[in-house]
């Protein structure tokens, strides 16, 4: 037999016999258990990991949504909200059965707010998440109380700017209604100075 043919057979046998040098053992996906409003997008990322928990560079990942009528997701992990509800986003290591899942809740389309809007009418609806959209910042804005957790009478656009969720040009964010706190701490962030306050019966926080 031709020695080059024998060499080819030997190399083929070696390749078949040797397993993948750095095979994936798991995959991580983020963010976990997040939300998006109708018409808006949420970016997901995923990373294949080996048995030691180390990232595998260049491993291909595919994304899918269990309820495409609720939210779709493209090849790059960008999900778009379509209808109120919940779907499961899956990241799959291409060519394997290794996957990870996370939940995506789709909220109502953002409510138009202004720089004096607050959420006092939602007091007691703890856990409720609402998306808002704010216009560009006016010359002057009202006072806001708290840092990360804000009193429910604090203007939401001012608090969102303080928290870094929007810019002076405005933007979209989602907040969650929370119970009252024993106290609220003031701070200066992003050009906004919030004030400290004592006990207040209802509050809100910003969520991704």
Protein backbone atom coordinates (compact mmCIF):
# COMPACT_ATOMS: atom_id res chain seq x y z
CA UNK A 1 0.00 0.00 0.00
CA UNK A 2 1.18 3.55 -0.74
CA UNK A 3 2.91 4.99 2.29
CA UNK A 4 1.09 8.33 1.85
CA UNK A 5 -2.24 6.49 1.86
CA UNK A 6 -1.20 4.66 5.04
CA UNK A 7 -0.27 7.99 6.63
CA UNK A 8 -3.69 9.40 5.73
CA UNK A 9 -5.43 6.43 7.33
CA UNK A 10 -3.32 6.83 10.46
CA UNK A 11 -4.12 10.54 10.81
CA UNK A 12 -7.82 9.89 10.30
CA UNK A 13 -7.81 7.19 12.96
CA UNK A 14 -5.99 9.49 15.34
CA UNK A 15 -8.49 12.30 14.85
CA UNK A 16 -11.41 9.91 15.40
CA UNK A 17 -9.83 8.43 18.51
CA UNK A 18 -8.94 11.76 20.16
CA UNK A 19 -11.78 13.59 21.92
CA UNK A 20 -12.19 17.37 21.69
CA UNK A 21 -9.29 18.96 23.55
CA UNK A 22 -11.44 21.43 25.54
CA UNK A 23 -15.04 20.19 25.43
CA UNK A 24 -17.85 22.31 26.85
CA UNK A 25 -19.38 21.09 30.11
CA UNK A 26 -21.89 23.87 30.75
CA UNK A 27 -23.05 27.25 29.54
CA UNK A 28 -23.95 30.42 31.44
CA UNK A 29 -26.53 32.97 30.35
CA UNK A 30 -27.17 36.48 31.60
CA UNK A 31 -29.03 38.45 32.70
CA UNK A 32 -31.11 36.08 34.81
CA UNK A 33 -34.88 36.46 35.28
CA UNK A 34 -35.17 39.91 33.72
CA UNK A 35 -37.83 41.90 31.90
CA UNK A 36 -38.45 44.06 28.87
CA UNK A 37 -41.36 46.24 27.79
CA UNK A 38 -43.34 45.68 24.60
CA UNK A 39 -41.43 47.11 21.65
CA UNK A 40 -38.15 47.37 23.55
CA UNK A 41 -35.14 45.06 23.55
CA UNK A 42 -33.06 43.16 26.09
CA UNK A 43 -29.58 41.87 25.29
CA UNK A 44 -28.63 38.37 26.47
CA UNK A 45 -25.10 36.99 26.50
CA UNK A 46 -23.89 33.43 27.00
CA UNK A 47 -20.55 31.72 27.54
CA UNK A 48 -19.61 28.06 27.11
CA UNK A 49 -17.55 26.70 30.01
CA UNK A 50 -15.29 23.66 30.34
CA UNK A 51 -15.32 21.18 33.22
CA UNK A 52 -13.13 23.54 35.26
CA UNK A 53 -15.62 26.37 34.81
CA UNK A 54 -13.30 28.28 32.47
CA UNK A 55 -14.66 30.09 29.39
CA UNK A 56 -14.15 28.41 26.03
CA UNK A 57 -13.12 31.07 23.54
CA UNK A 58 -14.90 30.90 20.20
CA UNK A 59 -17.60 28.40 21.18
CA UNK A 60 -20.71 29.09 19.10
CA UNK A 61 -23.95 29.77 20.99
CA UNK A 62 -27.48 29.74 19.59
CA UNK A 63 -30.43 31.48 21.26
CA UNK A 64 -34.14 30.65 21.20
CA UNK A 65 -37.39 31.76 22.83
CA UNK A 66 -40.01 29.29 24.05
CA UNK A 67 -42.82 31.75 23.27
CA UNK A 68 -41.97 33.76 20.18
CA UNK A 69 -45.36 35.47 20.32
CA UNK A 70 -44.30 36.94 23.68
CA UNK A 71 -40.70 37.80 22.73
CA UNK A 72 -38.38 36.86 19.90
CA UNK A 73 -34.61 36.56 20.16
CA UNK A 74 -32.09 36.83 17.34
CA UNK A 75 -28.85 34.95 16.69
CA UNK A 76 -26.90 37.47 18.75
CA UNK A 77 -29.12 37.14 21.84
CA UNK A 78 -31.10 40.36 21.34
CA UNK A 79 -34.68 39.78 22.54
CA UNK A 80 -37.62 42.00 21.54
CA UNK A 81 -40.81 42.22 23.59
CA UNK A 82 -43.98 41.58 21.59
CA UNK A 83 -46.82 40.87 24.05
CA UNK A 84 -47.40 40.86 27.80
CA UNK A 85 -46.40 37.55 29.33
CA UNK A 86 -43.37 35.39 30.07
CA UNK A 87 -41.06 33.35 27.88
CA UNK A 88 -37.98 31.23 28.44
CA UNK A 89 -34.77 32.22 26.69
CA UNK A 90 -32.40 29.32 25.99
CA UNK A 91 -28.70 29.50 25.14
CA UNK A 92 -27.43 26.31 23.48
CA UNK A 93 -23.81 25.42 22.72
CA UNK A 94 -23.89 24.70 19.00
CA UNK A 95 -23.48 21.02 18.09
CA UNK A 96 -24.24 19.85 21.65
CA UNK A 97 -27.19 19.39 23.98
CA UNK A 98 -25.63 21.69 26.60
CA UNK A 99 -27.90 24.62 27.38
CA UNK A 100 -28.92 27.18 29.98
CA UNK A 101 -32.25 28.93 30.43
CA UNK A 102 -33.57 32.14 31.94
CA UNK A 103 -36.99 33.76 32.20
CA UNK A 104 -37.93 36.95 30.38
CA UNK A 105 -41.08 38.81 31.46
CA UNK A 106 -42.62 41.18 28.93
CA UNK A 107 -44.32 44.21 30.45
CA UNK A 108 -46.77 46.70 29.00
CA UNK A 109 -45.37 49.31 26.63
CA UNK A 110 -43.67 52.22 28.46
CA UNK A 111 -45.94 54.89 29.91
CA UNK A 112 -45.08 58.46 28.96
CA UNK A 113 -43.91 60.35 32.05
CA UNK A 114 -42.77 63.89 32.73
CA UNK A 115 -40.25 65.20 35.23
CA UNK A 116 -42.87 65.63 37.94
CA UNK A 117 -44.51 62.18 37.59
CA UNK A 118 -44.43 60.00 40.70
CA UNK A 119 -45.94 56.61 41.55
CA UNK A 120 -47.91 57.38 44.71
CA UNK A 121 -51.06 55.94 43.13
CA UNK A 122 -49.29 52.54 43.03
CA UNK A 123 -48.60 52.42 46.78
CA UNK A 124 -49.27 48.94 48.12
CA UNK A 125 -48.82 47.19 44.76
CA UNK A 126 -45.54 45.73 45.99
CA UNK A 127 -43.62 43.81 43.34
CA UNK A 128 -45.44 45.46 40.44
CA UNK A 129 -43.07 46.47 37.65
CA UNK A 130 -43.85 49.39 35.34
CA UNK A 131 -41.91 50.83 32.41
CA UNK A 132 -41.79 54.57 31.72
CA UNK A 133 -40.27 56.85 29.14
CA UNK A 134 -39.04 60.34 30.05
CA UNK A 135 -38.46 63.33 27.76
CA UNK A 136 -35.35 65.51 27.90
CA UNK A 137 -34.55 67.06 31.27
CA UNK A 138 -35.98 70.56 31.88
CA UNK A 139 -33.95 73.40 33.38
CA UNK A 140 -35.15 72.70 36.93
CA UNK A 141 -36.48 69.56 38.56
CA UNK A 142 -38.19 68.72 41.83
CA UNK A 143 -36.62 67.13 44.92
CA UNK A 144 -35.96 63.40 45.16
CA UNK A 145 -35.43 61.33 48.33
CA UNK A 146 -33.21 58.28 48.67
CA UNK A 147 -30.44 56.41 46.91
CA UNK A 148 -31.23 53.20 44.98
CA UNK A 149 -34.47 53.01 47.00
CA UNK A 150 -36.62 56.14 46.59
CA UNK A 151 -39.76 57.43 48.32
CA UNK A 152 -42.77 56.93 46.09
CA UNK A 153 -43.45 60.67 45.97
CA UNK A 154 -40.01 61.28 44.41
CA UNK A 155 -40.32 62.24 40.71
CA UNK A 156 -39.42 59.08 38.80
CA UNK A 157 -37.51 60.77 35.97
CA UNK A 158 -35.35 62.70 38.45
CA UNK A 159 -34.69 59.51 40.42
CA UNK A 160 -33.92 57.61 37.20
CA UNK A 161 -31.32 60.22 36.24
CA UNK A 162 -29.85 60.08 39.76
CA UNK A 163 -29.66 56.28 39.49
CA UNK A 164 -28.04 56.40 36.06
CA UNK A 165 -30.96 54.74 34.29
CA UNK A 166 -31.48 57.63 31.88
CA UNK A 167 -29.49 60.68 30.75
CA UNK A 168 -30.32 64.38 30.45
CA UNK A 169 -31.76 63.49 27.04
CA UNK A 170 -34.37 61.28 28.73
CA UNK A 171 -34.86 57.57 28.17
CA UNK A 172 -36.73 54.44 29.16
CA UNK A 173 -36.56 52.46 32.41
CA UNK A 174 -38.48 49.98 34.53
CA UNK A 175 -39.19 50.38 38.23
CA UNK A 176 -40.66 48.11 40.88
CA UNK A 177 -43.01 49.17 43.65
CA UNK A 178 -41.68 48.31 47.10
CA UNK A 179 -42.86 48.65 50.73
CA UNK A 180 -41.91 51.66 52.78
CA UNK A 181 -38.50 51.98 54.42
CA UNK A 182 -37.48 53.13 57.88
CA UNK A 183 -35.14 55.69 56.33
CA UNK A 184 -33.77 56.94 53.01
CA UNK A 185 -30.22 58.12 52.39
CA UNK A 186 -29.39 61.05 50.14
CA UNK A 187 -26.42 61.31 47.78
CA UNK A 188 -25.13 63.14 44.71
CA UNK A 189 -25.02 61.20 41.45
CA UNK A 190 -25.10 62.18 37.78
CA UNK A 191 -25.66 65.85 38.55
CA UNK A 192 -28.63 65.19 40.83
CA UNK A 193 -28.50 65.56 44.61
CA UNK A 194 -31.08 63.51 46.46
CA UNK A 195 -32.06 64.17 50.08
CA UNK A 196 -32.20 61.90 53.09
CA UNK A 197 -35.56 61.24 54.72
CA UNK A 198 -36.98 59.34 57.65
CA UNK A 199 -39.70 56.72 57.58
CA UNK A 200 -41.96 56.74 54.51
CA UNK A 201 -44.76 54.30 53.78
CA UNK A 202 -44.00 53.33 50.15
CA UNK A 203 -41.02 53.27 47.83
CA UNK A 204 -39.67 52.09 44.50
CA UNK A 205 -36.44 50.76 43.00
CA UNK A 206 -35.18 50.50 39.42
CA UNK A 207 -34.82 47.09 37.81
CA UNK A 208 -32.95 45.98 34.69
